[in-house]
């Protein structure tokens, strides 16, 4: 390495050395011609060479020290290049900027990978439960040599849970490339709500929950229709899941209100509600809280996905809940002017 630094130094100083020699030669010729007779040139030439070598040694010291530190920085994260010249200082500033940028990006990627590993481990854990339940149902049915309607219903329920978990996995993975799949546009909020209600028709009927839409003929907002409908769908799924109708049917109301430049969609259910001490944590991934211990289908991902989508779309998401009476989720949109 030292030899390479020395060779590079000689190459870098070739023009400097060549310029010094040419300058010395010109001075000798000039004084010889101007005096018309021979002059003493050896002594001043020796002095010039002495000064040249002193300068070269100083330059070598600065060059060598900086380049040695530069090579050490490859292995040492907390490096100090100790620049001396202005050129070295500029080089050091540039390297430090690049270093800080990539350290930040690496830390971000590392954190993202850590979160992804956490998500995957949690999803695998969540998926193992319905698979185990289905296995137990099949074992029980084999022992009885009969697959009852109750067993089929239970298997279908667990299969739906698996389907939900897989959908959520795909949605979170798609969020990583949100910018490539995001098309800002004017969207009819009423049409989007109706589309989500129709897609959940079987769930509404099965759970004895009925949608009630209260709005004008149309409400044009700025959003991305696909991501917005996915967010509404997650909220509606939660509203249906936690409605807990029992013997009485329950309603889920959809109210759209327009005020000045904003449009508000409020989705309110008549379900079990969320305890006050869980409200602040509902957006955390895999947080199921008190209700998660009562409902085995809880994954703790739905509202997390909603919060991320709302943030990326520039919408505001607010949750209000009263235990035993229901939960309302309000989404704020920017209206088309």
C-alpha atoms as a PDB file:
ATOM      1  CA  UNK A   1       0.000   0.000   0.000  1.00  0.00           C
ATOM      2  CA  UNK A   2       2.853   2.404   0.910  1.00  0.00           C
ATOM      3  CA  UNK A   3       4.519   1.730  -2.432  1.00  0.00           C
ATOM      4  CA  UNK A   4       1.273   2.464  -4.271  1.00  0.00           C
ATOM      5  CA  UNK A   5       0.842   5.744  -2.375  1.00  0.00           C
ATOM      6  CA  UNK A   6       4.439   6.708  -3.223  1.00  0.00           C
ATOM      7  CA  UNK A   7       3.983   5.906  -6.927  1.00  0.00           C
ATOM      8  CA  UNK A   8       0.754   7.911  -7.016  1.00  0.00           C
ATOM      9  CA  UNK A   9       2.501  10.829  -5.304  1.00  0.00           C
ATOM     10  CA  UNK A  10       5.304  10.840  -7.904  1.00  0.00           C
ATOM     11  CA  UNK A  11       2.704  10.808 -10.690  1.00  0.00           C
ATOM     12  CA  UNK A  12       0.741  13.652  -9.094  1.00  0.00           C
ATOM     13  CA  UNK A  13       3.906  15.788  -8.645  1.00  0.00           C
ATOM     14  CA  UNK A  14       5.361  15.158 -12.107  1.00  0.00           C
ATOM     15  CA  UNK A  15       4.051  18.426 -13.523  1.00  0.00           C
ATOM     16  CA  UNK A  16       5.237  20.310 -10.423  1.00  0.00           C
ATOM     17  CA  UNK A  17       8.779  18.845 -10.796  1.00  0.00           C
ATOM     18  CA  UNK A  18       8.823  19.434 -14.545  1.00  0.00           C
ATOM     19  CA  UNK A  19       7.706  23.046 -14.016  1.00  0.00           C
ATOM     20  CA  UNK A  20      10.459  23.620 -11.445  1.00  0.00           C
ATOM     21  CA  UNK A  21      13.152  22.302 -13.817  1.00  0.00           C
ATOM     22  CA  UNK A  22      11.873  24.386 -16.746  1.00  0.00           C
ATOM     23  CA  UNK A  23      11.749  27.487 -14.528  1.00  0.00           C
ATOM     24  CA  UNK A  24      15.334  26.932 -13.344  1.00  0.00           C
ATOM     25  CA  UNK A  25      16.557  26.425 -16.903  1.00  0.00           C
ATOM     26  CA  UNK A  26      14.822  29.593 -18.102  1.00  0.00           C
ATOM     27  CA  UNK A  27      16.401  31.650 -15.298  1.00  0.00           C
ATOM     28  CA  UNK A  28      19.897  30.348 -16.121  1.00  0.00           C
ATOM     29  CA  UNK A  29      19.467  31.099 -19.828  1.00  0.00           C
ATOM     30  CA  UNK A  30      18.001  34.523 -19.072  1.00  0.00           C
ATOM     31  CA  UNK A  31      20.874  35.640 -16.826  1.00  0.00           C
ATOM     32  CA  UNK A  32      23.466  34.221 -19.237  1.00  0.00           C
ATOM     33  CA  UNK A  33      22.015  36.158 -22.152  1.00  0.00           C
ATOM     34  CA  UNK A  34      21.368  39.365 -20.214  1.00  0.00           C
ATOM     35  CA  UNK A  35      24.944  39.660 -18.785  1.00  0.00           C
ATOM     36  CA  UNK A  36      26.664  38.548 -21.939  1.00  0.00           C
ATOM     37  CA  UNK A  37      29.099  36.462 -19.949  1.00  0.00           C
ATOM     38  CA  UNK A  38      29.147  33.306 -17.930  1.00  0.00           C
ATOM     39  CA  UNK A  39      27.604  33.599 -14.456  1.00  0.00           C
ATOM     40  CA  UNK A  40      27.730  31.421 -11.380  1.00  0.00           C
ATOM     41  CA  UNK A  41      24.695  29.132 -11.655  1.00  0.00           C
ATOM     42  CA  UNK A  42      25.659  26.114  -9.594  1.00  0.00           C
ATOM     43  CA  UNK A  43      25.226  27.727  -6.191  1.00  0.00           C
ATOM     44  CA  UNK A  44      21.756  29.228  -6.791  1.00  0.00           C
ATOM     45  CA  UNK A  45      20.712  26.008  -8.528  1.00  0.00           C
ATOM     46  CA  UNK A  46      21.731  23.977  -5.480  1.00  0.00           C
ATOM     47  CA  UNK A  47      19.751  26.324  -3.229  1.00  0.00           C
ATOM     48  CA  UNK A  48      16.705  25.973  -5.493  1.00  0.00           C
ATOM     49  CA  UNK A  49      17.035  22.169  -5.453  1.00  0.00           C
ATOM     50  CA  UNK A  50      17.322  22.236  -1.667  1.00  0.00           C
ATOM     51  CA  UNK A  51      14.157  24.323  -1.369  1.00  0.00           C
ATOM     52  CA  UNK A  52      12.446  22.028  -3.879  1.00  0.00           C
ATOM     53  CA  UNK A  53      13.269  18.913  -1.842  1.00  0.00           C
ATOM     54  CA  UNK A  54      12.085  20.588   1.362  1.00  0.00           C
ATOM     55  CA  UNK A  55       8.775  21.425  -0.329  1.00  0.00           C
ATOM     56  CA  UNK A  56       8.466  17.902  -1.748  1.00  0.00           C
ATOM     57  CA  UNK A  57       9.048  16.355   1.684  1.00  0.00           C
ATOM     58  CA  UNK A  58       6.360  18.606   3.201  1.00  0.00           C
ATOM     59  CA  UNK A  59       3.965  17.742   0.365  1.00  0.00           C
ATOM     60  CA  UNK A  60       4.762  14.039   0.786  1.00  0.00           C
ATOM     61  CA  UNK A  61       4.044  14.231   4.505  1.00  0.00           C
ATOM     62  CA  UNK A  62       0.622  15.763   3.899  1.00  0.00           C
ATOM     63  CA  UNK A  63      -0.126  13.405   1.002  1.00  0.00           C
ATOM     64  CA  UNK A  64       0.976  10.262   2.836  1.00  0.00           C
ATOM     65  CA  UNK A  65      -0.888  11.052   6.069  1.00  0.00           C
ATOM     66  CA  UNK A  66      -4.165  11.787   4.296  1.00  0.00           C
ATOM     67  CA  UNK A  67      -4.011   8.703   2.050  1.00  0.00           C
ATOM     68  CA  UNK A  68      -3.096   6.380   4.919  1.00  0.00           C
ATOM     69  CA  UNK A  69      -6.132   7.662   6.881  1.00  0.00           C
ATOM     70  CA  UNK A  70      -8.225   7.278   3.754  1.00  0.00           C
ATOM     71  CA  UNK A  71      -7.355   3.576   3.491  1.00  0.00           C
ATOM     72  CA  UNK A  72      -7.914   3.051   7.223  1.00  0.00           C
ATOM     73  CA  UNK A  73     -11.401   4.506   6.889  1.00  0.00           C
ATOM     74  CA  UNK A  74     -12.426   1.431   4.882  1.00  0.00           C
ATOM     75  CA  UNK A  75     -12.205  -0.728   8.001  1.00  0.00           C
ATOM     76  CA  UNK A  76     -12.986   1.864  10.662  1.00  0.00           C
ATOM     77  CA  UNK A  77     -16.458   3.403  10.750  1.00  0.00           C
ATOM     78  CA  UNK A  78     -15.406   6.187  13.148  1.00  0.00           C
ATOM     79  CA  UNK A  79     -12.593   7.428  10.966  1.00  0.00           C
ATOM     80  CA  UNK A  80     -10.836  10.806  10.903  1.00  0.00           C
ATOM     81  CA  UNK A  81      -9.106  11.728   7.639  1.00  0.00           C
ATOM     82  CA  UNK A  82      -7.289  14.672   9.275  1.00  0.00           C
ATOM     83  CA  UNK A  83      -7.194  16.795   6.116  1.00  0.00           C
ATOM     84  CA  UNK A  84      -4.490  19.483   5.840  1.00  0.00           C
ATOM     85  CA  UNK A  85      -4.913  21.169   2.465  1.00  0.00           C
ATOM     86  CA  UNK A  86      -8.108  22.806   1.178  1.00  0.00           C
ATOM     87  CA  UNK A  87      -8.387  20.115  -1.483  1.00  0.00           C
ATOM     88  CA  UNK A  88      -8.149  17.384   1.141  1.00  0.00           C
ATOM     89  CA  UNK A  89     -10.736  19.199   3.266  1.00  0.00           C
ATOM     90  CA  UNK A  90     -13.184  19.278   0.338  1.00  0.00           C
ATOM     91  CA  UNK A  91     -12.499  15.592  -0.323  1.00  0.00           C
ATOM     92  CA  UNK A  92     -13.025  14.773   3.361  1.00  0.00           C
ATOM     93  CA  UNK A  93     -16.292  16.742   3.460  1.00  0.00           C
ATOM     94  CA  UNK A  94     -17.576  14.907   0.397  1.00  0.00           C
ATOM     95  CA  UNK A  95     -16.589  11.491   1.783  1.00  0.00           C
ATOM     96  CA  UNK A  96     -18.187  12.308   5.156  1.00  0.00           C
ATOM     97  CA  UNK A  97     -21.411  13.373   3.446  1.00  0.00           C
ATOM     98  CA  UNK A  98     -21.529  10.185   1.382  1.00  0.00           C
ATOM     99  CA  UNK A  99     -20.663   8.119   4.456  1.00  0.00           C
ATOM    100  CA  UNK A 100     -23.403   9.721   6.569  1.00  0.00           C
ATOM    101  CA  UNK A 101     -25.930   9.270   3.776  1.00  0.00           C
ATOM    102  CA  UNK A 102     -25.213   5.572   3.326  1.00  0.00           C
ATOM    103  CA  UNK A 103     -24.989   4.887   7.056  1.00  0.00           C
ATOM    104  CA  UNK A 104     -28.455   6.424   7.385  1.00  0.00           C
ATOM    105  CA  UNK A 105     -29.781   4.366   4.463  1.00  0.00           C
ATOM    106  CA  UNK A 106     -28.217   1.173   5.814  1.00  0.00           C
ATOM    107  CA  UNK A 107     -29.727   1.823   9.257  1.00  0.00           C
ATOM    108  CA  UNK A 108     -33.119   2.410   7.628  1.00  0.00           C
ATOM    109  CA  UNK A 109     -32.861  -0.784   5.578  1.00  0.00           C
ATOM    110  CA  UNK A 110     -31.730  -2.713   8.653  1.00  0.00           C
ATOM    111  CA  UNK A 111     -34.695  -1.421  10.646  1.00  0.00           C
ATOM    112  CA  UNK A 112     -37.036  -2.258   7.780  1.00  0.00           C
ATOM    113  CA  UNK A 113     -35.635  -5.785   7.537  1.00  0.00           C
ATOM    114  CA  UNK A 114     -35.990  -6.195  11.283  1.00  0.00           C
ATOM    115  CA  UNK A 115     -39.616  -5.072  11.095  1.00  0.00           C
ATOM    116  CA  UNK A 116     -40.240  -7.413   8.167  1.00  0.00           C
ATOM    117  CA  UNK A 117     -38.785 -10.335  10.125  1.00  0.00           C
ATOM    118  CA  UNK A 118     -41.039  -9.403  13.039  1.00  0.00           C
ATOM    119  CA  UNK A 119     -44.066  -9.208  10.742  1.00  0.00           C
ATOM    120  CA  UNK A 120     -43.298 -12.535   9.102  1.00  0.00           C
ATOM    121  CA  UNK A 121     -42.788 -14.304  12.439  1.00  0.00           C
ATOM    122  CA  UNK A 122     -46.079 -12.882  13.740  1.00  0.00           C
ATOM    123  CA  UNK A 123     -47.941 -13.835  10.560  1.00  0.00           C
ATOM    124  CA  UNK A 124     -46.581 -17.375  10.721  1.00  0.00           C
ATOM    125  CA  UNK A 125     -47.678 -17.559  14.351  1.00  0.00           C
ATOM    126  CA  UNK A 126     -51.150 -16.252  13.440  1.00  0.00           C
ATOM    127  CA  UNK A 127     -51.482 -18.711  10.564  1.00  0.00           C
ATOM    128  CA  UNK A 128     -50.449 -21.687  12.675  1.00  0.00           C
ATOM    129  CA  UNK A 129     -53.531 -21.306  14.883  1.00  0.00           C
ATOM    130  CA  UNK A 130     -56.215 -21.845  12.193  1.00  0.00           C
ATOM    131  CA  UNK A 131     -54.123 -24.624  10.614  1.00  0.00           C
ATOM    132  CA  UNK A 132     -53.939 -26.370  14.006  1.00  0.00           C
ATOM    133  CA  UNK A 133     -57.683 -25.909  14.550  1.00  0.00           C
ATOM    134  CA  UNK A 134     -58.480 -27.364  11.117  1.00  0.00           C
ATOM    135  CA  UNK A 135     -56.184 -30.309  11.888  1.00  0.00           C
ATOM    136  CA  UNK A 136     -58.004 -30.972  15.188  1.00  0.00           C
ATOM    137  CA  UNK A 137     -61.389 -30.780  13.440  1.00  0.00           C
ATOM    138  CA  UNK A 138     -60.253 -33.296  10.818  1.00  0.00           C
ATOM    139  CA  UNK A 139     -58.841 -35.640  13.493  1.00  0.00           C
ATOM    140  CA  UNK A 140     -62.093 -35.478  15.424  1.00  0.00           C
ATOM    141  CA  UNK A 141     -64.117 -36.104  12.266  1.00  0.00           C
ATOM    142  CA  UNK A 142     -61.899 -39.069  11.350  1.00  0.00           C
ATOM    143  CA  UNK A 143     -62.414 -40.605  14.761  1.00  0.00           C
ATOM    144  CA  UNK A 144     -66.166 -40.236  14.344  1.00  0.00           C
ATOM    145  CA  UNK A 145     -65.877 -41.264  10.681  1.00  0.00           C
ATOM    146  CA  UNK A 146     -68.208 -38.420   9.782  1.00  0.00           C
ATOM    147  CA  UNK A 147     -67.647 -34.822   8.718  1.00  0.00           C
ATOM    148  CA  UNK A 148     -70.559 -32.953  10.282  1.00  0.00           C
ATOM    149  CA  UNK A 149     -71.985 -29.645   9.117  1.00  0.00           C
ATOM    150  CA  UNK A 150     -70.615 -28.080  12.285  1.00  0.00           C
ATOM    151  CA  UNK A 151     -67.133 -29.276  11.370  1.00  0.00           C
ATOM    152  CA  UNK A 152     -67.516 -27.920   7.835  1.00  0.00           C
ATOM    153  CA  UNK A 153     -68.640 -24.557   9.257  1.00  0.00           C
ATOM    154  CA  UNK A 154     -65.647 -24.465  11.611  1.00  0.00           C
ATOM    155  CA  UNK A 155     -63.243 -25.358   8.795  1.00  0.00           C
ATOM    156  CA  UNK A 156     -64.780 -22.649   6.603  1.00  0.00           C
ATOM    157  CA  UNK A 157     -64.374 -20.112   9.414  1.00  0.00           C
ATOM    158  CA  UNK A 158     -60.703 -20.994   9.900  1.00  0.00           C
ATOM    159  CA  UNK A 159     -60.170 -20.958   6.147  1.00  0.00           C
ATOM    160  CA  UNK A 160     -61.636 -17.450   5.989  1.00  0.00           C
ATOM    161  CA  UNK A 161     -59.247 -16.427   8.742  1.00  0.00           C
ATOM    162  CA  UNK A 162     -56.306 -17.764   6.743  1.00  0.00           C
ATOM    163  CA  UNK A 163     -57.580 -15.924   3.693  1.00  0.00           C
ATOM    164  CA  UNK A 164     -57.786 -12.673   5.678  1.00  0.00           C
ATOM    165  CA  UNK A 165     -54.259 -13.061   7.055  1.00  0.00           C
ATOM    166  CA  UNK A 166     -52.814 -13.773   3.594  1.00  0.00           C
ATOM    167  CA  UNK A 167     -54.618 -10.733   2.155  1.00  0.00           C
ATOM    168  CA  UNK A 168     -53.145  -8.575   4.897  1.00  0.00           C
ATOM    169  CA  UNK A 169     -49.652  -9.919   4.202  1.00  0.00           C
ATOM    170  CA  UNK A 170     -50.014  -9.003   0.525  1.00  0.00           C
ATOM    171  CA  UNK A 171     -51.374  -5.547   1.382  1.00  0.00           C
ATOM    172  CA  UNK A 172     -48.464  -4.739   3.698  1.00  0.00           C
ATOM    173  CA  UNK A 173     -45.972  -5.940   1.069  1.00  0.00           C
ATOM    174  CA  UNK A 174     -47.691  -3.735  -1.519  1.00  0.00           C
ATOM    175  CA  UNK A 175     -47.363  -0.753   0.814  1.00  0.00           C
ATOM    176  CA  UNK A 176     -43.565  -0.962   0.423  1.00  0.00           C
ATOM    177  CA  UNK A 177     -43.993   0.049  -3.243  1.00  0.00           C
ATOM    178  CA  UNK A 178     -46.828   2.486  -2.572  1.00  0.00           C
ATOM    179  CA  UNK A 179     -45.330   5.324  -4.652  1.00  0.00           C
ATOM    180  CA  UNK A 180     -45.254   3.085  -7.750  1.00  0.00           C
ATOM    181  CA  UNK A 181     -48.877   2.023  -7.263  1.00  0.00           C
ATOM    182  CA  UNK A 182     -50.380   5.362  -6.271  1.00  0.00           C
ATOM    183  CA  UNK A 183     -52.497   7.404  -8.694  1.00  0.00           C
ATOM    184  CA  UNK A 184     -53.847  10.651  -7.184  1.00  0.00           C
ATOM    185  CA  UNK A 185     -57.227  11.385  -8.724  1.00  0.00           C
ATOM    186  CA  UNK A 186     -60.723  12.672  -8.069  1.00  0.00           C
ATOM    187  CA  UNK A 187     -62.837   9.916  -6.575  1.00  0.00           C
ATOM    188  CA  UNK A 188     -66.548   9.624  -5.919  1.00  0.00           C
ATOM    189  CA  UNK A 189     -66.587   8.632  -2.247  1.00  0.00           C
ATOM    190  CA  UNK A 190     -70.213   7.472  -2.394  1.00  0.00           C
ATOM    191  CA  UNK A 191     -69.434   5.030  -5.209  1.00  0.00           C
ATOM    192  CA  UNK A 192     -66.401   3.723  -3.308  1.00  0.00           C
ATOM    193  CA  UNK A 193     -68.440   3.111  -0.158  1.00  0.00           C
ATOM    194  CA  UNK A 194     -71.171   1.333  -2.126  1.00  0.00           C
ATOM    195  CA  UNK A 195     -68.555  -0.830  -3.849  1.00  0.00           C
ATOM    196  CA  UNK A 196     -67.059  -1.888  -0.491  1.00  0.00           C
ATOM    197  CA  UNK A 197     -70.535  -2.620   0.941  1.00  0.00           C
ATOM    198  CA  UNK A 198     -71.383  -4.826  -2.047  1.00  0.00           C
ATOM    199  CA  UNK A 199     -68.076  -6.699  -1.743  1.00  0.00           C
ATOM    200  CA  UNK A 200     -68.884  -7.440   1.927  1.00  0.00           C
ATOM    201  CA  UNK A 201     -72.493  -8.453   1.280  1.00  0.00           C
ATOM    202  CA  UNK A 202     -72.077 -12.066   2.403  1.00  0.00           C
ATOM    203  CA  UNK A 203     -70.289 -11.028   5.604  1.00  0.00           C
ATOM    204  CA  UNK A 204     -73.058  -8.559   6.426  1.00  0.00           C
ATOM    205  CA  UNK A 205     -75.718 -11.239   5.970  1.00  0.00           C
ATOM    206  CA  UNK A 206     -73.803 -13.987   7.783  1.00  0.00           C
ATOM    207  CA  UNK A 207     -73.140 -11.793  10.826  1.00  0.00           C
ATOM    208  CA  UNK A 208     -76.667 -10.248  10.853  1.00  0.00           C
ATOM    209  CA  UNK A 209     -75.220  -6.781  10.394  1.00  0.00           C
ATOM    210  CA  UNK A 210     -76.836  -4.302   8.022  1.00  0.00           C
ATOM    211  CA  UNK A 211     -75.278  -1.240   6.366  1.00  0.00           C
ATOM    212  CA  UNK A 212     -77.022   2.122   6.354  1.00  0.00           C
ATOM    213  CA  UNK A 213     -75.725   4.746   3.953  1.00  0.00           C
ATOM    214  CA  UNK A 214     -76.511   8.395   4.753  1.00  0.00           C
ATOM    215  CA  UNK A 215     -75.135  10.757   2.119  1.00  0.00           C
ATOM    216  CA  UNK A 216     -75.928  12.893  -0.895  1.00  0.00           C
ATOM    217  CA  UNK A 217     -75.843  11.627  -4.468  1.00  0.00           C
ATOM    218  CA  UNK A 218     -72.084  12.105  -4.776  1.00  0.00           C
ATOM    219  CA  UNK A 219     -69.044  13.391  -2.879  1.00  0.00           C
ATOM    220  CA  UNK A 220     -65.955  14.034  -4.987  1.00  0.00           C
ATOM    221  CA  UNK A 221     -62.673  13.872  -3.057  1.00  0.00           C
ATOM    222  CA  UNK A 222     -58.967  13.761  -3.885  1.00  0.00           C
ATOM    223  CA  UNK A 223     -57.572  10.292  -3.227  1.00  0.00           C
ATOM    224  CA  UNK A 224     -56.551   7.029  -4.856  1.00  0.00           C
ATOM    225  CA  UNK A 225     -59.676   4.943  -5.378  1.00  0.00           C
ATOM    226  CA  UNK A 226     -58.007   1.537  -5.003  1.00  0.00           C
ATOM    227  CA  UNK A 227     -56.063   2.311  -1.807  1.00  0.00           C
ATOM    228  CA  UNK A 228     -58.964   4.293  -0.356  1.00  0.00           C
ATOM    229  CA  UNK A 229     -61.358   1.382  -0.896  1.00  0.00           C
ATOM    230  CA  UNK A 230     -58.846  -0.980   0.692  1.00  0.00           C
ATOM    231  CA  UNK A 231     -58.709   1.281   3.764  1.00  0.00           C
ATOM    232  CA  UNK A 232     -62.515   1.476   3.994  1.00  0.00           C
ATOM    233  CA  UNK A 233     -62.742  -2.291   3.518  1.00  0.00           C
ATOM    234  CA  UNK A 234     -60.427  -2.913   6.487  1.00  0.00           C
ATOM    235  CA  UNK A 235     -62.510  -0.602   8.689  1.00  0.00           C
ATOM    236  CA  UNK A 236     -65.765  -2.259   7.599  1.00  0.00           C
ATOM    237  CA  UNK A 237     -64.331  -5.743   8.232  1.00  0.00           C
ATOM    238  CA  UNK A 238     -63.475  -4.714  11.791  1.00  0.00           C
ATOM    239  CA  UNK A 239     -66.921  -3.165  12.262  1.00  0.00           C
ATOM    240  CA  UNK A 240     -68.610  -6.389  11.148  1.00  0.00           C
ATOM    241  CA  UNK A 241     -66.280  -8.602  13.189  1.00  0.00           C
ATOM    242  CA  UNK A 242     -66.833  -6.736  16.457  1.00  0.00           C
ATOM    243  CA  UNK A 243     -70.556  -6.025  16.064  1.00  0.00           C
ATOM    244  CA  UNK A 244     -71.370  -9.129  18.120  1.00  0.00           C
ATOM    245  CA  UNK A 245     -75.071  -9.198  17.209  1.00  0.00           C
ATOM    246  CA  UNK A 246     -76.157 -12.054  19.443  1.00  0.00           C
ATOM    247  CA  UNK A 247     -79.889 -12.494  18.974  1.00  0.00           C
ATOM    248  CA  UNK A 248     -80.410  -8.941  17.716  1.00  0.00           C
ATOM    249  CA  UNK A 249     -79.260  -7.597  14.393  1.00  0.00           C
ATOM    250  CA  UNK A 250     -76.913  -4.611  14.370  1.00  0.00           C
ATOM    251  CA  UNK A 251     -76.304  -1.757  11.964  1.00  0.00           C
ATOM    252  CA  UNK A 252     -73.226  -0.111  10.523  1.00  0.00           C
ATOM    253  CA  UNK A 253     -73.883   3.457   9.417  1.00  0.00           C
ATOM    254  CA  UNK A 254     -71.958   5.351   6.753  1.00  0.00           C
ATOM    255  CA  UNK A 255     -72.277   9.117   6.956  1.00  0.00           C
ATOM    256  CA  UNK A 256     -70.645  11.509   4.492  1.00  0.00           C
ATOM    257  CA  UNK A 257     -70.517  15.173   5.424  1.00  0.00           C
ATOM    258  CA  UNK A 258     -69.002  17.990   3.371  1.00  0.00           C
ATOM    259  CA  UNK A 259     -67.685  21.144   5.049  1.00  0.00           C
ATOM    260  CA  UNK A 260     -65.891  23.827   3.074  1.00  0.00           C
ATOM    261  CA  UNK A 261     -62.780  22.190   1.552  1.00  0.00           C
ATOM    262  CA  UNK A 262     -63.079  18.950   3.527  1.00  0.00           C
ATOM    263  CA  UNK A 263     -65.241  15.841   3.257  1.00  0.00           C
ATOM    264  CA  UNK A 264     -65.725  13.487   6.204  1.00  0.00           C
ATOM    265  CA  UNK A 265     -66.688   9.825   6.082  1.00  0.00           C
ATOM    266  CA  UNK A 266     -67.845   8.429   9.425  1.00  0.00           C
ATOM    267  CA  UNK A 267     -68.254   4.667   9.756  1.00  0.00           C
ATOM    268  CA  UNK A 268     -70.016   3.743  12.988  1.00  0.00           C
ATOM    269  CA  UNK A 269     -70.860   0.286  14.296  1.00  0.00           C
ATOM    270  CA  UNK A 270     -72.989  -0.849  17.222  1.00  0.00           C
ATOM    271  CA  UNK A 271     -70.472  -3.376  18.467  1.00  0.00           C
ATOM    272  CA  UNK A 272     -68.583  -4.072  21.654  1.00  0.00           C
ATOM    273  CA  UNK A 273     -66.441  -0.940  21.491  1.00  0.00           C
ATOM    274  CA  UNK A 274     -62.790  -0.482  22.442  1.00  0.00           C
ATOM    275  CA  UNK A 275     -61.562   0.075  26.008  1.00  0.00           C
ATOM    276  CA  UNK A 276     -60.169   3.597  26.553  1.00  0.00           C
ATOM    277  CA  UNK A 277     -56.765   2.202  27.532  1.00  0.00           C
ATOM    278  CA  UNK A 278     -56.478   0.429  24.151  1.00  0.00           C
ATOM    279  CA  UNK A 279     -57.515   3.328  21.892  1.00  0.00           C
ATOM    280  CA  UNK A 280     -54.021   4.826  21.606  1.00  0.00           C
ATOM    281  CA  UNK A 281     -52.496   1.461  20.670  1.00  0.00           C
ATOM    282  CA  UNK A 282     -54.922   0.282  17.987  1.00  0.00           C
ATOM    283  CA  UNK A 283     -52.646   1.478  15.163  1.00  0.00           C
ATOM    284  CA  UNK A 284     -49.702  -0.565  16.407  1.00  0.00           C
ATOM    285  CA  UNK A 285     -48.970  -3.693  14.309  1.00  0.00           C
ATOM    286  CA  UNK A 286     -50.266  -6.949  15.823  1.00  0.00           C
ATOM    287  CA  UNK A 287     -51.867  -5.166  18.777  1.00  0.00           C
ATOM    288  CA  UNK A 288     -55.182  -6.870  19.533  1.00  0.00           C
ATOM    289  CA  UNK A 289     -55.800  -5.615  23.062  1.00  0.00           C
ATOM    290  CA  UNK A 290     -58.720  -6.657  25.233  1.00  0.00           C
ATOM    291  CA  UNK A 291     -60.959  -7.501  22.281  1.00  0.00           C
ATOM    292  CA  UNK A 292     -58.275  -9.709  20.758  1.00  0.00           C
ATOM    293  CA  UNK A 293     -58.552 -12.034  23.755  1.00  0.00           C
ATOM    294  CA  UNK A 294     -62.271 -12.409  23.140  1.00  0.00           C
ATOM    295  CA  UNK A 295     -62.200 -12.781  19.356  1.00  0.00           C
ATOM    296  CA  UNK A 296     -59.780 -15.336  17.957  1.00  0.00           C
ATOM    297  CA  UNK A 297     -60.023 -13.834  14.457  1.00  0.00           C
ATOM    298  CA  UNK A 298     -58.275 -10.652  15.581  1.00  0.00           C
ATOM    299  CA  UNK A 299     -54.915 -10.142  13.833  1.00  0.00           C
ATOM    300  CA  UNK A 300     -54.014  -6.597  14.898  1.00  0.00           C
ATOM    301  CA  UNK A 301     -53.060  -5.666  11.332  1.00  0.00           C
ATOM    302  CA  UNK A 302     -56.219  -4.081   9.875  1.00  0.00           C
ATOM    303  CA  UNK A 303     -56.031  -0.688  11.590  1.00  0.00           C
ATOM    304  CA  UNK A 304     -52.251  -0.606  11.227  1.00  0.00           C
ATOM    305  CA  UNK A 305     -52.694  -0.925   7.446  1.00  0.00           C
ATOM    306  CA  UNK A 306     -55.392   1.774   7.545  1.00  0.00           C
ATOM    307  CA  UNK A 307     -53.135   4.199   9.412  1.00  0.00           C
ATOM    308  CA  UNK A 308     -50.298   3.695   6.903  1.00  0.00           C
ATOM    309  CA  UNK A 309     -52.606   4.135   3.894  1.00  0.00           C
ATOM    310  CA  UNK A 310     -54.221   7.245   5.418  1.00  0.00           C
ATOM    311  CA  UNK A 311     -50.802   8.751   6.086  1.00  0.00           C
ATOM    312  CA  UNK A 312     -49.570   8.064   2.554  1.00  0.00           C
ATOM    313  CA  UNK A 313     -52.779   9.392   0.977  1.00  0.00           C
ATOM    314  CA  UNK A 314     -52.729  12.504   3.156  1.00  0.00           C
ATOM    315  CA  UNK A 315     -56.011  11.665   4.912  1.00  0.00           C
ATOM    316  CA  UNK A 316     -56.705  12.027   8.613  1.00  0.00           C
ATOM    317  CA  UNK A 317     -57.984   9.017  10.544  1.00  0.00           C
ATOM    318  CA  UNK A 318     -59.737   9.411  13.901  1.00  0.00           C
ATOM    319  CA  UNK A 319     -61.257   6.702  16.139  1.00  0.00           C
ATOM    320  CA  UNK A 320     -63.814   7.233  18.885  1.00  0.00           C
ATOM    321  CA  UNK A 321     -65.268   4.395  20.891  1.00  0.00           C
ATOM    322  CA  UNK A 322     -67.455   3.698  23.885  1.00  0.00           C
ATOM    323  CA  UNK A 323     -67.231   0.308  25.520  1.00  0.00           C
ATOM    324  CA  UNK A 324     -70.387  -1.714  24.950  1.00  0.00           C
ATOM    325  CA  UNK A 325     -71.932   0.844  22.587  1.00  0.00           C
ATOM    326  CA  UNK A 326     -69.794   0.867  19.477  1.00  0.00           C
ATOM    327  CA  UNK A 327     -66.935   2.473  17.585  1.00  0.00           C
ATOM    328  CA  UNK A 328     -66.830   5.240  14.998  1.00  0.00           C
ATOM    329  CA  UNK A 329     -63.994   5.825  12.556  1.00  0.00           C
ATOM    330  CA  UNK A 330     -63.807   9.171  10.757  1.00  0.00           C
ATOM    331  CA  UNK A 331     -61.740   9.696   7.614  1.00  0.00           C
ATOM    332  CA  UNK A 332     -61.040  13.261   6.451  1.00  0.00           C
ATOM    333  CA  UNK A 333     -60.592  13.960   2.737  1.00  0.00           C
ATOM    334  CA  UNK A 334     -59.706  17.045   0.760  1.00  0.00           C
ATOM    335  CA  UNK A 335     -62.717  17.893  -1.424  1.00  0.00           C
ATOM    336  CA  UNK A 336     -62.439  18.702  -5.083  1.00  0.00           C
ATOM    337  CA  UNK A 337     -62.689  22.466  -5.530  1.00  0.00           C
END
